[in-house]
Every structure is written in C-alpha cells, then in structure tokens.
Amino acid sequence: MYRSPVLPEIETLDAVRDHQRITFLSCRVDFPWDTTRALEFALFRTFCVPAISALLDKTQEFGKRAQKRYDDTDIIVSVMMEHGYDSERGRTAIARLNALHGRFKIRNEDFLYVLSTFVFVPIRWNERFGWRRLTEKERVALFQFWRAVGLRMNIKDIPAGYQEFERYNIEYERVNYRFTETNQRVGVAVRDLFKSWFPRWTRPLVEKGIYAFMDDNLIRAFGFPPASPWLRHVVGFGLKSRARVLRLWPRRNRPLLRTEMKPPSYPDGYQIEKLGPPESSVDHSV
C-alpha cells in the first residue's frame, strides 16, 4: 500500500499557522480530483436555499451562462488554494469576489452557509470516498483556510471553532432547505451543465447518477425524482472501489494545478479582474 507523500510534511506543520500549506498539499497533491468533485457538490447544495436560488435565477447566471459561471468560480477558488489568499493573485481574486457579491443584497447568514459548505462537504466526501482519511490536522486546516477567506470577504460572525461551524451548517440546512421553483430551475441548469461534459449517449445515465449522489433532503428541495436504492448503491460502490484501487496505486508526488488548465470559457486566457458578468448585465433590483 502506498503512503501519502505529503503526510510527512503535514505532520511537521501547525494546523492554524500553516493552514494554507496543509490545504495546498492535501487538496492539490493527495486529493485533486476529489476536492474538485466535492466543491462542485458543495455549490450544488447551496442552490437548495430559496434565497440563493432566487438571486441566481433572476440574474440567469446559470440559466444562460452555466459553463462560464462554473469556470469563474473554479478559477477564483483555485487561485486562492494554489497561490494563497494573501498572494497578489489571491488578493485580486478576493477583491473580484467582493466586487461581484457587492452588487447584490445577500444576507450574512447565506454567506456563512456557502462558506461552511466549502469546509464540510469536502470533509464528508473524504469520509465516504477518500483513498485515505483526512487527518485531524487537515480538517482543521481546511476550516482555518476558509475561515480566513471568509474574514477577507467581510463575512460576519464566522464561528471560531470547527464544531460550532459544523453545527451552524447542519442547522441552517434544516431550517432553510425547502422546494421552490427557482431551486428547480437553477438545479436543472447545473445538472445539465454536468451532463454536457459527457458523451451525448451517456447523459440519461449521468443524470440518474447525479440523483444518486443526492440525499433525500436535496432531492426534495430540487423537486428531482428520487434515485433508486440500487443505483445509489452502485454509485457508492463504484467510488469506494476507486478508493481501494488508489490505495494500491503509486501516489502522485506533484501538485495538480487547476490554474494551469485552460477553462472552456477562456481558451485564450483570462484576467481575474474581469471574471463574472459585466456590470452592464446586472439588474440592480435583485
């Protein structure tokens, strides 16, 4: 069985002081694919909140520009993870994020929830499908990383402790998840984006596979048809089998950097300062 090449370094680091380095090693060396899938699912979960889906539905950011909206988010997150949120590129990414969000009236509790999904959805994904389990130090570092980003986004009342923030995440979903038509429209747009990445003949099966990832609360909030228990078992078994194979596979010892990939929406490159919809396309009444 191959041991993680980054754990010896992580074991020498402090989860609070060195959280950016630990997050980089964990998310870009040991778990690059899993981190990307988990963050996709984290964003998907936020669309079950009527206040969030209503805003996205009105701006049509996913209805008309789903791939670009995905790429913009992916770039900003990847820049912060790979270059550090206090690097020149990281500061530019956060400034752009704040400028885009500043166009709209967004409740602080909704910002807090979205931030919490970036912490806890990847951790829960790892518990189910990781080829190894995240260490306590990695979990705390991920929390500290996103807490630091949230502070730079001027999000208020971010819990100082990991467990307190997880309780917030769970209680927020209990109170706020409910079906609305805007949830469904945004959910369908994002579901169809995910399907578009696969050959056309596979898309009906991909759609069923997407449903199989979802828990019952998510299914109800989107108004999607429930997945069969059999398919949920198959999807879960497939990802757990992948993890078992990876435990025996030679480990990656170099980071896989998404900032070095060409996003579909920007084949000729991009400027962080211009990510997101142009000012002229924004309806300031939302």
C-alpha atoms as a PDB file:
ATOM      1  CA  MET A   1       0.000   0.000   0.000  1.00  0.00           C
ATOM      2  CA  TYR A   2       1.414   3.384  -0.997  1.00  0.00           C
ATOM      3  CA  ARG A   3       1.615   6.010   1.708  1.00  0.00           C
ATOM      4  CA  SER A   4       0.818   9.643   1.036  1.00  0.00           C
ATOM      5  CA  PRO A   5       3.986  11.522   0.009  1.00  0.00           C
ATOM      6  CA  VAL A   6       2.733  14.716   1.683  1.00  0.00           C
ATOM      7  CA  LEU A   7       1.806  13.386   5.128  1.00  0.00           C
ATOM      8  CA  PRO A   8       5.384  13.517   6.492  1.00  0.00           C
ATOM      9  CA  GLU A   9       5.491  17.251   5.740  1.00  0.00           C
ATOM     10  CA  ILE A  10       1.942  17.847   7.010  1.00  0.00           C
ATOM     11  CA  GLU A  11       2.839  16.134  10.276  1.00  0.00           C
ATOM     12  CA  THR A  12       5.534  18.769  10.889  1.00  0.00           C
ATOM     13  CA  LEU A  13       3.183  21.710  10.301  1.00  0.00           C
ATOM     14  CA  ASP A  14       0.774  23.566  12.574  1.00  0.00           C
ATOM     15  CA  ALA A  15      -2.895  23.350  11.567  1.00  0.00           C
ATOM     16  CA  VAL A  16      -3.562  27.008  12.386  1.00  0.00           C
ATOM     17  CA  ARG A  17      -0.338  28.743  11.437  1.00  0.00           C
ATOM     18  CA  ASP A  18       0.348  26.638   8.332  1.00  0.00           C
ATOM     19  CA  HIS A  19      -3.215  26.029   7.147  1.00  0.00           C
ATOM     20  CA  GLN A  20      -2.569  27.348   3.624  1.00  0.00           C
ATOM     21  CA  ARG A  21       0.308  24.950   3.043  1.00  0.00           C
ATOM     22  CA  ILE A  22      -1.569  22.000   4.523  1.00  0.00           C
ATOM     23  CA  THR A  23      -4.648  22.751   2.393  1.00  0.00           C
ATOM     24  CA  PHE A  24      -2.494  23.011  -0.723  1.00  0.00           C
ATOM     25  CA  LEU A  25      -0.763  19.675  -0.077  1.00  0.00           C
ATOM     26  CA  SER A  26      -3.993  17.892   0.814  1.00  0.00           C
ATOM     27  CA  CYS A  27      -6.216  19.319  -1.942  1.00  0.00           C
ATOM     28  CA  ARG A  28      -3.746  19.576  -4.792  1.00  0.00           C
ATOM     29  CA  VAL A  29      -1.410  16.622  -4.252  1.00  0.00           C
ATOM     30  CA  ASP A  30      -3.354  13.881  -2.484  1.00  0.00           C
ATOM     31  CA  PHE A  31      -6.954  14.746  -3.408  1.00  0.00           C
ATOM     32  CA  PRO A  32      -7.148  16.990  -6.507  1.00  0.00           C
ATOM     33  CA  TRP A  33      -9.977  15.070  -8.205  1.00  0.00           C
ATOM     34  CA  ASP A  34     -11.937  14.533  -5.006  1.00  0.00           C
ATOM     35  CA  THR A  35     -11.615  18.184  -3.978  1.00  0.00           C
ATOM     36  CA  THR A  36     -12.967  19.374  -7.318  1.00  0.00           C
ATOM     37  CA  ARG A  37     -15.931  16.994  -7.242  1.00  0.00           C
ATOM     38  CA  ALA A  38     -16.687  17.820  -3.609  1.00  0.00           C
ATOM     39  CA  LEU A  39     -16.634  21.577  -4.234  1.00  0.00           C
ATOM     40  CA  GLU A  40     -18.950  21.107  -7.214  1.00  0.00           C
ATOM     41  CA  PHE A  41     -21.323  19.268  -4.925  1.00  0.00           C
ATOM     42  CA  ALA A  42     -20.899  21.954  -2.250  1.00  0.00           C
ATOM     43  CA  LEU A  43     -22.085  24.629  -4.676  1.00  0.00           C
ATOM     44  CA  PHE A  44     -24.921  22.386  -5.798  1.00  0.00           C
ATOM     45  CA  ARG A  45     -26.141  22.138  -2.210  1.00  0.00           C
ATOM     46  CA  THR A  46     -26.347  25.904  -1.865  1.00  0.00           C
ATOM     47  CA  PHE A  47     -28.911  26.058  -4.661  1.00  0.00           C
ATOM     48  CA  CYS A  48     -31.423  24.311  -2.379  1.00  0.00           C
ATOM     49  CA  VAL A  49     -31.720  27.553  -0.422  1.00  0.00           C
ATOM     50  CA  PRO A  50     -34.563  29.661  -1.872  1.00  0.00           C
ATOM     51  CA  ALA A  51     -32.837  32.982  -1.121  1.00  0.00           C
ATOM     52  CA  ILE A  52     -29.746  31.852  -3.051  1.00  0.00           C
ATOM     53  CA  SER A  53     -31.549  30.178  -5.946  1.00  0.00           C
ATOM     54  CA  ALA A  54     -33.887  33.171  -6.371  1.00  0.00           C
ATOM     55  CA  LEU A  55     -30.929  35.502  -6.868  1.00  0.00           C
ATOM     56  CA  LEU A  56     -29.205  33.178  -9.350  1.00  0.00           C
ATOM     57  CA  ASP A  57     -32.465  32.555 -11.183  1.00  0.00           C
ATOM     58  CA  LYS A  58     -33.098  36.266 -11.612  1.00  0.00           C
ATOM     59  CA  THR A  59     -29.583  37.027 -12.823  1.00  0.00           C
ATOM     60  CA  GLN A  60     -29.742  33.989 -15.171  1.00  0.00           C
ATOM     61  CA  GLU A  61     -26.099  33.305 -14.439  1.00  0.00           C
ATOM     62  CA  PHE A  62     -26.671  29.568 -14.658  1.00  0.00           C
ATOM     63  CA  GLY A  63     -29.658  29.625 -16.994  1.00  0.00           C
ATOM     64  CA  LYS A  64     -27.707  31.357 -19.772  1.00  0.00           C
ATOM     65  CA  ARG A  65     -24.023  31.070 -18.863  1.00  0.00           C
ATOM     66  CA  ALA A  66     -23.658  27.909 -16.779  1.00  0.00           C
ATOM     67  CA  GLN A  67     -20.198  26.906 -18.027  1.00  0.00           C
ATOM     68  CA  LYS A  68     -18.816  30.429 -17.638  1.00  0.00           C
ATOM     69  CA  ARG A  69     -20.315  30.760 -14.157  1.00  0.00           C
ATOM     70  CA  TYR A  70     -18.697  27.444 -13.212  1.00  0.00           C
ATOM     71  CA  ASP A  71     -15.335  28.452 -14.705  1.00  0.00           C
ATOM     72  CA  ASP A  72     -15.332  31.828 -12.954  1.00  0.00           C
ATOM     73  CA  THR A  73     -15.930  30.186  -9.579  1.00  0.00           C
ATOM     74  CA  ASP A  74     -13.385  27.458 -10.262  1.00  0.00           C
ATOM     75  CA  ILE A  75     -10.710  29.990 -11.199  1.00  0.00           C
ATOM     76  CA  ILE A  76     -11.238  32.144  -8.113  1.00  0.00           C
ATOM     77  CA  VAL A  77     -11.223  29.157  -5.744  1.00  0.00           C
ATOM     78  CA  SER A  78      -8.203  27.592  -7.460  1.00  0.00           C
ATOM     79  CA  VAL A  79      -6.187  30.823  -7.379  1.00  0.00           C
ATOM     80  CA  MET A  80      -6.718  31.124  -3.615  1.00  0.00           C
ATOM     81  CA  MET A  81      -5.910  27.464  -2.958  1.00  0.00           C
ATOM     82  CA  GLU A  82      -2.862  27.301  -5.208  1.00  0.00           C
ATOM     83  CA  HIS A  83      -1.303  30.739  -4.784  1.00  0.00           C
ATOM     84  CA  GLY A  84      -2.584  31.650  -1.323  1.00  0.00           C
ATOM     85  CA  TYR A  85      -5.288  34.130  -0.458  1.00  0.00           C
ATOM     86  CA  ASP A  86      -2.721  36.788   0.540  1.00  0.00           C
ATOM     87  CA  SER A  87      -0.616  36.453  -2.608  1.00  0.00           C
ATOM     88  CA  GLU A  88      -1.011  39.131  -5.265  1.00  0.00           C
ATOM     89  CA  ARG A  89      -3.253  36.867  -7.339  1.00  0.00           C
ATOM     90  CA  GLY A  90      -5.123  35.724  -4.250  1.00  0.00           C
ATOM     91  CA  ARG A  91      -5.867  39.285  -3.146  1.00  0.00           C
ATOM     92  CA  THR A  92      -7.027  40.113  -6.665  1.00  0.00           C
ATOM     93  CA  ALA A  93      -9.343  37.077  -6.637  1.00  0.00           C
ATOM     94  CA  ILE A  94     -10.895  38.049  -3.307  1.00  0.00           C
ATOM     95  CA  ALA A  95     -11.294  41.667  -4.432  1.00  0.00           C
ATOM     96  CA  ARG A  96     -13.102  40.451  -7.547  1.00  0.00           C
ATOM     97  CA  LEU A  97     -15.278  38.147  -5.474  1.00  0.00           C
ATOM     98  CA  ASN A  98     -16.213  41.006  -3.158  1.00  0.00           C
ATOM     99  CA  ALA A  99     -16.940  43.326  -6.075  1.00  0.00           C
ATOM    100  CA  LEU A 100     -19.253  40.778  -7.699  1.00  0.00           C
ATOM    101  CA  HIS A 101     -21.110  39.980  -4.487  1.00  0.00           C
ATOM    102  CA  GLY A 102     -21.313  43.665  -3.603  1.00  0.00           C
ATOM    103  CA  ARG A 103     -23.732  44.217  -6.486  1.00  0.00           C
ATOM    104  CA  PHE A 104     -26.443  42.274  -4.684  1.00  0.00           C
ATOM    105  CA  LYS A 105     -28.231  42.216  -1.367  1.00  0.00           C
ATOM    106  CA  ILE A 106     -27.069  38.952   0.191  1.00  0.00           C
ATOM    107  CA  ARG A 107     -27.775  38.025   3.799  1.00  0.00           C
ATOM    108  CA  ASN A 108     -24.791  37.376   6.029  1.00  0.00           C
ATOM    109  CA  GLU A 109     -26.275  34.042   7.121  1.00  0.00           C
ATOM    110  CA  ASP A 110     -26.340  32.921   3.481  1.00  0.00           C
ATOM    111  CA  PHE A 111     -22.698  33.891   3.016  1.00  0.00           C
ATOM    112  CA  LEU A 112     -21.910  31.914   6.161  1.00  0.00           C
ATOM    113  CA  TYR A 113     -23.704  28.849   4.877  1.00  0.00           C
ATOM    114  CA  VAL A 114     -21.975  28.872   1.490  1.00  0.00           C
ATOM    115  CA  LEU A 115     -18.634  29.227   3.271  1.00  0.00           C
ATOM    116  CA  SER A 116     -19.491  26.289   5.538  1.00  0.00           C
ATOM    117  CA  THR A 117     -20.187  24.015   2.556  1.00  0.00           C
ATOM    118  CA  PHE A 118     -16.653  24.625   1.291  1.00  0.00           C
ATOM    119  CA  VAL A 119     -15.370  23.255   4.593  1.00  0.00           C
ATOM    120  CA  PHE A 120     -17.665  20.371   5.406  1.00  0.00           C
ATOM    121  CA  VAL A 121     -18.758  18.944   2.050  1.00  0.00           C
ATOM    122  CA  PRO A 122     -15.161  18.040   1.067  1.00  0.00           C
ATOM    123  CA  ILE A 123     -14.586  16.553   4.539  1.00  0.00           C
ATOM    124  CA  ARG A 124     -17.755  14.444   4.295  1.00  0.00           C
ATOM    125  CA  TRP A 125     -16.860  13.404   0.737  1.00  0.00           C
ATOM    126  CA  ASN A 126     -13.493  12.231   2.001  1.00  0.00           C
ATOM    127  CA  GLU A 127     -15.137  10.209   4.773  1.00  0.00           C
ATOM    128  CA  ARG A 128     -17.179   8.330   2.159  1.00  0.00           C
ATOM    129  CA  PHE A 129     -14.877   8.132  -0.845  1.00  0.00           C
ATOM    130  CA  GLY A 130     -11.330   9.138   0.092  1.00  0.00           C
ATOM    131  CA  TRP A 131      -8.478   6.720  -0.626  1.00  0.00           C
ATOM    132  CA  ARG A 132      -7.278   7.647   2.852  1.00  0.00           C
ATOM    133  CA  ARG A 133      -8.949   9.596   5.632  1.00  0.00           C
ATOM    134  CA  LEU A 134      -8.066  13.220   6.210  1.00  0.00           C
ATOM    135  CA  THR A 135      -6.119  13.695   9.400  1.00  0.00           C
ATOM    136  CA  GLU A 136      -7.441  15.932  12.159  1.00  0.00           C
ATOM    137  CA  LYS A 137      -4.771  18.444  11.209  1.00  0.00           C
ATOM    138  CA  GLU A 138      -6.009  18.534   7.588  1.00  0.00           C
ATOM    139  CA  ARG A 139      -9.633  19.005   8.658  1.00  0.00           C
ATOM    140  CA  VAL A 140      -8.750  21.856  10.997  1.00  0.00           C
ATOM    141  CA  ALA A 141      -6.513  23.441   8.352  1.00  0.00           C
ATOM    142  CA  LEU A 142      -9.330  23.365   5.800  1.00  0.00           C
ATOM    143  CA  PHE A 143     -11.616  25.082   8.308  1.00  0.00           C
ATOM    144  CA  GLN A 144      -8.951  27.687   9.081  1.00  0.00           C
ATOM    145  CA  PHE A 145      -8.329  28.279   5.371  1.00  0.00           C
ATOM    146  CA  TRP A 146     -11.936  29.027   4.518  1.00  0.00           C
ATOM    147  CA  ARG A 147     -12.464  30.981   7.739  1.00  0.00           C
ATOM    148  CA  ALA A 148      -9.572  33.240   6.728  1.00  0.00           C
ATOM    149  CA  VAL A 149     -11.075  33.672   3.250  1.00  0.00           C
ATOM    150  CA  GLY A 150     -14.451  34.487   4.823  1.00  0.00           C
ATOM    151  CA  LEU A 151     -12.898  37.181   7.014  1.00  0.00           C
ATOM    152  CA  ARG A 152     -11.352  38.754   3.907  1.00  0.00           C
ATOM    153  CA  MET A 153     -14.803  38.689   2.302  1.00  0.00           C
ATOM    154  CA  ASN A 154     -16.104  40.652   5.302  1.00  0.00           C
ATOM    155  CA  ILE A 155     -18.438  37.842   6.359  1.00  0.00           C
ATOM    156  CA  LYS A 156     -19.564  38.469   9.911  1.00  0.00           C
ATOM    157  CA  ASP A 157     -19.931  36.100  12.879  1.00  0.00           C
ATOM    158  CA  ILE A 158     -17.843  33.246  11.464  1.00  0.00           C
ATOM    159  CA  PRO A 159     -17.574  30.699  14.295  1.00  0.00           C
ATOM    160  CA  ALA A 160     -14.116  30.467  15.781  1.00  0.00           C
ATOM    161  CA  GLY A 161     -14.378  26.696  16.247  1.00  0.00           C
ATOM    162  CA  TYR A 162     -14.693  23.795  13.828  1.00  0.00           C
ATOM    163  CA  GLN A 163     -17.530  22.038  15.673  1.00  0.00           C
ATOM    164  CA  GLU A 164     -19.524  25.236  16.145  1.00  0.00           C
ATOM    165  CA  PHE A 165     -19.327  25.952  12.412  1.00  0.00           C
ATOM    166  CA  GLU A 166     -20.419  22.418  11.571  1.00  0.00           C
ATOM    167  CA  ARG A 167     -23.439  22.803  13.853  1.00  0.00           C
ATOM    168  CA  TYR A 168     -24.279  26.017  12.004  1.00  0.00           C
ATOM    169  CA  ASN A 169     -24.082  24.179   8.674  1.00  0.00           C
ATOM    170  CA  ILE A 170     -26.423  21.401   9.826  1.00  0.00           C
ATOM    171  CA  GLU A 171     -28.964  23.715  11.462  1.00  0.00           C
ATOM    172  CA  TYR A 172     -29.014  26.108   8.508  1.00  0.00           C
ATOM    173  CA  GLU A 173     -29.889  23.285   6.134  1.00  0.00           C
ATOM    174  CA  ARG A 174     -32.581  22.008   8.496  1.00  0.00           C
ATOM    175  CA  VAL A 175     -34.257  25.423   8.611  1.00  0.00           C
ATOM    176  CA  ASN A 176     -33.734  26.654   5.053  1.00  0.00           C
ATOM    177  CA  TYR A 177     -33.967  23.663   2.719  1.00  0.00           C
ATOM    178  CA  ARG A 178     -37.355  23.572   1.013  1.00  0.00           C
ATOM    179  CA  PHE A 179     -38.638  23.227  -2.523  1.00  0.00           C
ATOM    180  CA  THR A 180     -39.155  26.276  -4.731  1.00  0.00           C
ATOM    181  CA  GLU A 181     -39.401  26.623  -8.481  1.00  0.00           C
ATOM    182  CA  THR A 182     -36.229  28.733  -8.517  1.00  0.00           C
ATOM    183  CA  ASN A 183     -34.359  25.907  -6.775  1.00  0.00           C
ATOM    184  CA  GLN A 184     -35.530  23.585  -9.504  1.00  0.00           C
ATOM    185  CA  ARG A 185     -34.662  25.886 -12.404  1.00  0.00           C
ATOM    186  CA  VAL A 186     -31.148  26.550 -11.121  1.00  0.00           C
ATOM    187  CA  GLY A 187     -30.706  22.888 -10.187  1.00  0.00           C
ATOM    188  CA  VAL A 188     -31.738  21.762 -13.674  1.00  0.00           C
ATOM    189  CA  ALA A 189     -29.329  24.256 -15.281  1.00  0.00           C
ATOM    190  CA  VAL A 190     -26.406  22.987 -13.210  1.00  0.00           C
ATOM    191  CA  ARG A 191     -27.404  19.350 -13.642  1.00  0.00           C
ATOM    192  CA  ASP A 192     -27.466  19.887 -17.409  1.00  0.00           C
ATOM    193  CA  LEU A 193     -24.051  21.534 -17.261  1.00  0.00           C
ATOM    194  CA  PHE A 194     -22.620  18.457 -15.561  1.00  0.00           C
ATOM    195  CA  LYS A 195     -24.303  16.226 -18.160  1.00  0.00           C
ATOM    196  CA  SER A 196     -22.813  18.284 -21.006  1.00  0.00           C
ATOM    197  CA  TRP A 197     -19.310  17.163 -20.017  1.00  0.00           C
ATOM    198  CA  PHE A 198     -20.129  13.587 -21.084  1.00  0.00           C
ATOM    199  CA  PRO A 199     -20.879  11.997 -24.481  1.00  0.00           C
ATOM    200  CA  ARG A 200     -24.497  12.551 -25.501  1.00  0.00           C
ATOM    201  CA  TRP A 201     -25.404   8.872 -25.438  1.00  0.00           C
ATOM    202  CA  THR A 202     -24.351   8.583 -21.767  1.00  0.00           C
ATOM    203  CA  ARG A 203     -26.284  11.610 -20.489  1.00  0.00           C
ATOM    204  CA  PRO A 204     -29.501   9.871 -19.412  1.00  0.00           C
ATOM    205  CA  LEU A 205     -27.420   7.577 -17.205  1.00  0.00           C
ATOM    206  CA  VAL A 206     -25.309  10.508 -15.974  1.00  0.00           C
ATOM    207  CA  GLU A 207     -28.495  12.286 -14.930  1.00  0.00           C
ATOM    208  CA  LYS A 208     -29.604   9.307 -12.890  1.00  0.00           C
ATOM    209  CA  GLY A 209     -26.124   9.105 -11.406  1.00  0.00           C
ATOM    210  CA  ILE A 210     -26.320  12.742 -10.298  1.00  0.00           C
ATOM    211  CA  TYR A 211     -29.576  11.993  -8.486  1.00  0.00           C
ATOM    212  CA  ALA A 212     -27.925   9.005  -6.851  1.00  0.00           C
ATOM    213  CA  PHE A 213     -25.384  11.320  -5.191  1.00  0.00           C
ATOM    214  CA  MET A 214     -28.111  13.341  -3.538  1.00  0.00           C
ATOM    215  CA  ASP A 215     -29.604  12.741  -0.126  1.00  0.00           C
ATOM    216  CA  ASP A 216     -33.377  12.852   0.279  1.00  0.00           C
ATOM    217  CA  ASN A 217     -33.394  16.455   1.558  1.00  0.00           C
ATOM    218  CA  LEU A 218     -31.589  17.602  -1.586  1.00  0.00           C
ATOM    219  CA  ILE A 219     -33.913  15.636  -3.865  1.00  0.00           C
ATOM    220  CA  ARG A 220     -36.993  17.167  -2.248  1.00  0.00           C
ATOM    221  CA  ALA A 221     -35.619  20.716  -2.275  1.00  0.00           C
ATOM    222  CA  PHE A 222     -34.867  20.480  -6.003  1.00  0.00           C
ATOM    223  CA  GLY A 223     -38.031  18.581  -6.852  1.00  0.00           C
ATOM    224  CA  PHE A 224     -35.983  15.921  -8.626  1.00  0.00           C
ATOM    225  CA  PRO A 225     -37.134  12.305  -8.952  1.00  0.00           C
ATOM    226  CA  PRO A 226     -35.667  10.112  -6.212  1.00  0.00           C
ATOM    227  CA  ALA A 227     -32.858   7.808  -7.216  1.00  0.00           C
ATOM    228  CA  SER A 228     -33.392   4.087  -6.876  1.00  0.00           C
ATOM    229  CA  PRO A 229     -31.668   2.470  -3.883  1.00  0.00           C
ATOM    230  CA  TRP A 230     -29.990   0.114  -6.340  1.00  0.00           C
ATOM    231  CA  LEU A 231     -28.384   2.973  -8.284  1.00  0.00           C
ATOM    232  CA  ARG A 232     -27.294   4.720  -5.105  1.00  0.00           C
ATOM    233  CA  HIS A 233     -25.573   1.506  -4.084  1.00  0.00           C
ATOM    234  CA  VAL A 234     -23.882   1.167  -7.482  1.00  0.00           C
ATOM    235  CA  VAL A 235     -22.594   4.752  -7.494  1.00  0.00           C
ATOM    236  CA  GLY A 236     -21.345   4.491  -3.931  1.00  0.00           C
ATOM    237  CA  PHE A 237     -19.754   1.116  -4.597  1.00  0.00           C
ATOM    238  CA  GLY A 238     -18.002   2.482  -7.688  1.00  0.00           C
ATOM    239  CA  LEU A 239     -16.426   5.404  -5.840  1.00  0.00           C
ATOM    240  CA  LYS A 240     -15.431   3.255  -2.875  1.00  0.00           C
ATOM    241  CA  SER A 241     -13.878   0.743  -5.274  1.00  0.00           C
ATOM    242  CA  ARG A 242     -11.916   3.590  -6.865  1.00  0.00           C
ATOM    243  CA  ALA A 243     -10.609   4.498  -3.405  1.00  0.00           C
ATOM    244  CA  ARG A 244      -9.499   0.922  -2.759  1.00  0.00           C
ATOM    245  CA  VAL A 245      -7.622   0.814  -6.072  1.00  0.00           C
ATOM    246  CA  LEU A 246      -5.936   4.153  -5.374  1.00  0.00           C
ATOM    247  CA  ARG A 247      -4.639   2.844  -2.051  1.00  0.00           C
ATOM    248  CA  LEU A 248      -2.560   0.353  -4.047  1.00  0.00           C
ATOM    249  CA  TRP A 249      -1.614   2.753  -6.834  1.00  0.00           C
ATOM    250  CA  PRO A 250       1.641   4.743  -6.937  1.00  0.00           C
ATOM    251  CA  ARG A 251       0.900   8.097  -5.367  1.00  0.00           C
ATOM    252  CA  ARG A 252       1.061  11.457  -7.057  1.00  0.00           C
ATOM    253  CA  ASN A 253       4.024  13.443  -5.725  1.00  0.00           C
ATOM    254  CA  ARG A 254       3.440  16.662  -7.647  1.00  0.00           C
ATOM    255  CA  PRO A 255       0.501  19.032  -7.347  1.00  0.00           C
ATOM    256  CA  LEU A 256      -2.201  19.032  -9.992  1.00  0.00           C
ATOM    257  CA  LEU A 257      -2.867  22.737 -10.506  1.00  0.00           C
ATOM    258  CA  ARG A 258      -6.193  23.810 -11.967  1.00  0.00           C
ATOM    259  CA  THR A 259      -4.817  27.307 -12.584  1.00  0.00           C
ATOM    260  CA  GLU A 260      -2.556  25.747 -15.220  1.00  0.00           C
ATOM    261  CA  MET A 261      -5.513  24.244 -17.083  1.00  0.00           C
ATOM    262  CA  LYS A 262      -7.450  26.053 -19.803  1.00  0.00           C
ATOM    263  CA  PRO A 263     -11.064  26.605 -18.716  1.00  0.00           C
ATOM    264  CA  PRO A 264     -13.546  26.023 -21.566  1.00  0.00           C
ATOM    265  CA  SER A 265     -14.830  29.591 -21.300  1.00  0.00           C
ATOM    266  CA  TYR A 266     -11.332  31.107 -21.600  1.00  0.00           C
ATOM    267  CA  PRO A 267      -9.324  29.210 -24.228  1.00  0.00           C
ATOM    268  CA  ASP A 268      -7.106  32.275 -24.745  1.00  0.00           C
ATOM    269  CA  GLY A 269      -6.623  33.035 -21.070  1.00  0.00           C
ATOM    270  CA  TYR A 270      -8.393  35.291 -18.602  1.00  0.00           C
ATOM    271  CA  GLN A 271      -7.935  38.272 -16.327  1.00  0.00           C
ATOM    272  CA  ILE A 272      -9.101  37.795 -12.755  1.00  0.00           C
ATOM    273  CA  GLU A 273     -10.334  41.394 -12.673  1.00  0.00           C
ATOM    274  CA  LYS A 274     -12.800  40.641 -15.478  1.00  0.00           C
ATOM    275  CA  LEU A 275     -14.281  37.388 -14.210  1.00  0.00           C
ATOM    276  CA  GLY A 276     -18.029  37.258 -13.728  1.00  0.00           C
ATOM    277  CA  PRO A 277     -20.797  39.102 -15.550  1.00  0.00           C
ATOM    278  CA  PRO A 278     -20.072  42.634 -16.775  1.00  0.00           C
ATOM    279  CA  GLU A 279     -21.591  45.453 -14.763  1.00  0.00           C
ATOM    280  CA  SER A 280     -23.948  46.338 -17.638  1.00  0.00           C
ATOM    281  CA  SER A 281     -25.613  42.907 -17.438  1.00  0.00           C
ATOM    282  CA  VAL A 282     -26.576  43.182 -13.773  1.00  0.00           C
ATOM    283  CA  ASP A 283     -30.092  44.018 -12.687  1.00  0.00           C
ATOM    284  CA  HIS A 284     -29.534  46.036  -9.522  1.00  0.00           C
ATOM    285  CA  SER A 285     -33.103  45.495  -8.388  1.00  0.00           C
ATOM    286  CA  VAL A 286     -32.297  41.938  -7.281  1.00  0.00           C
END
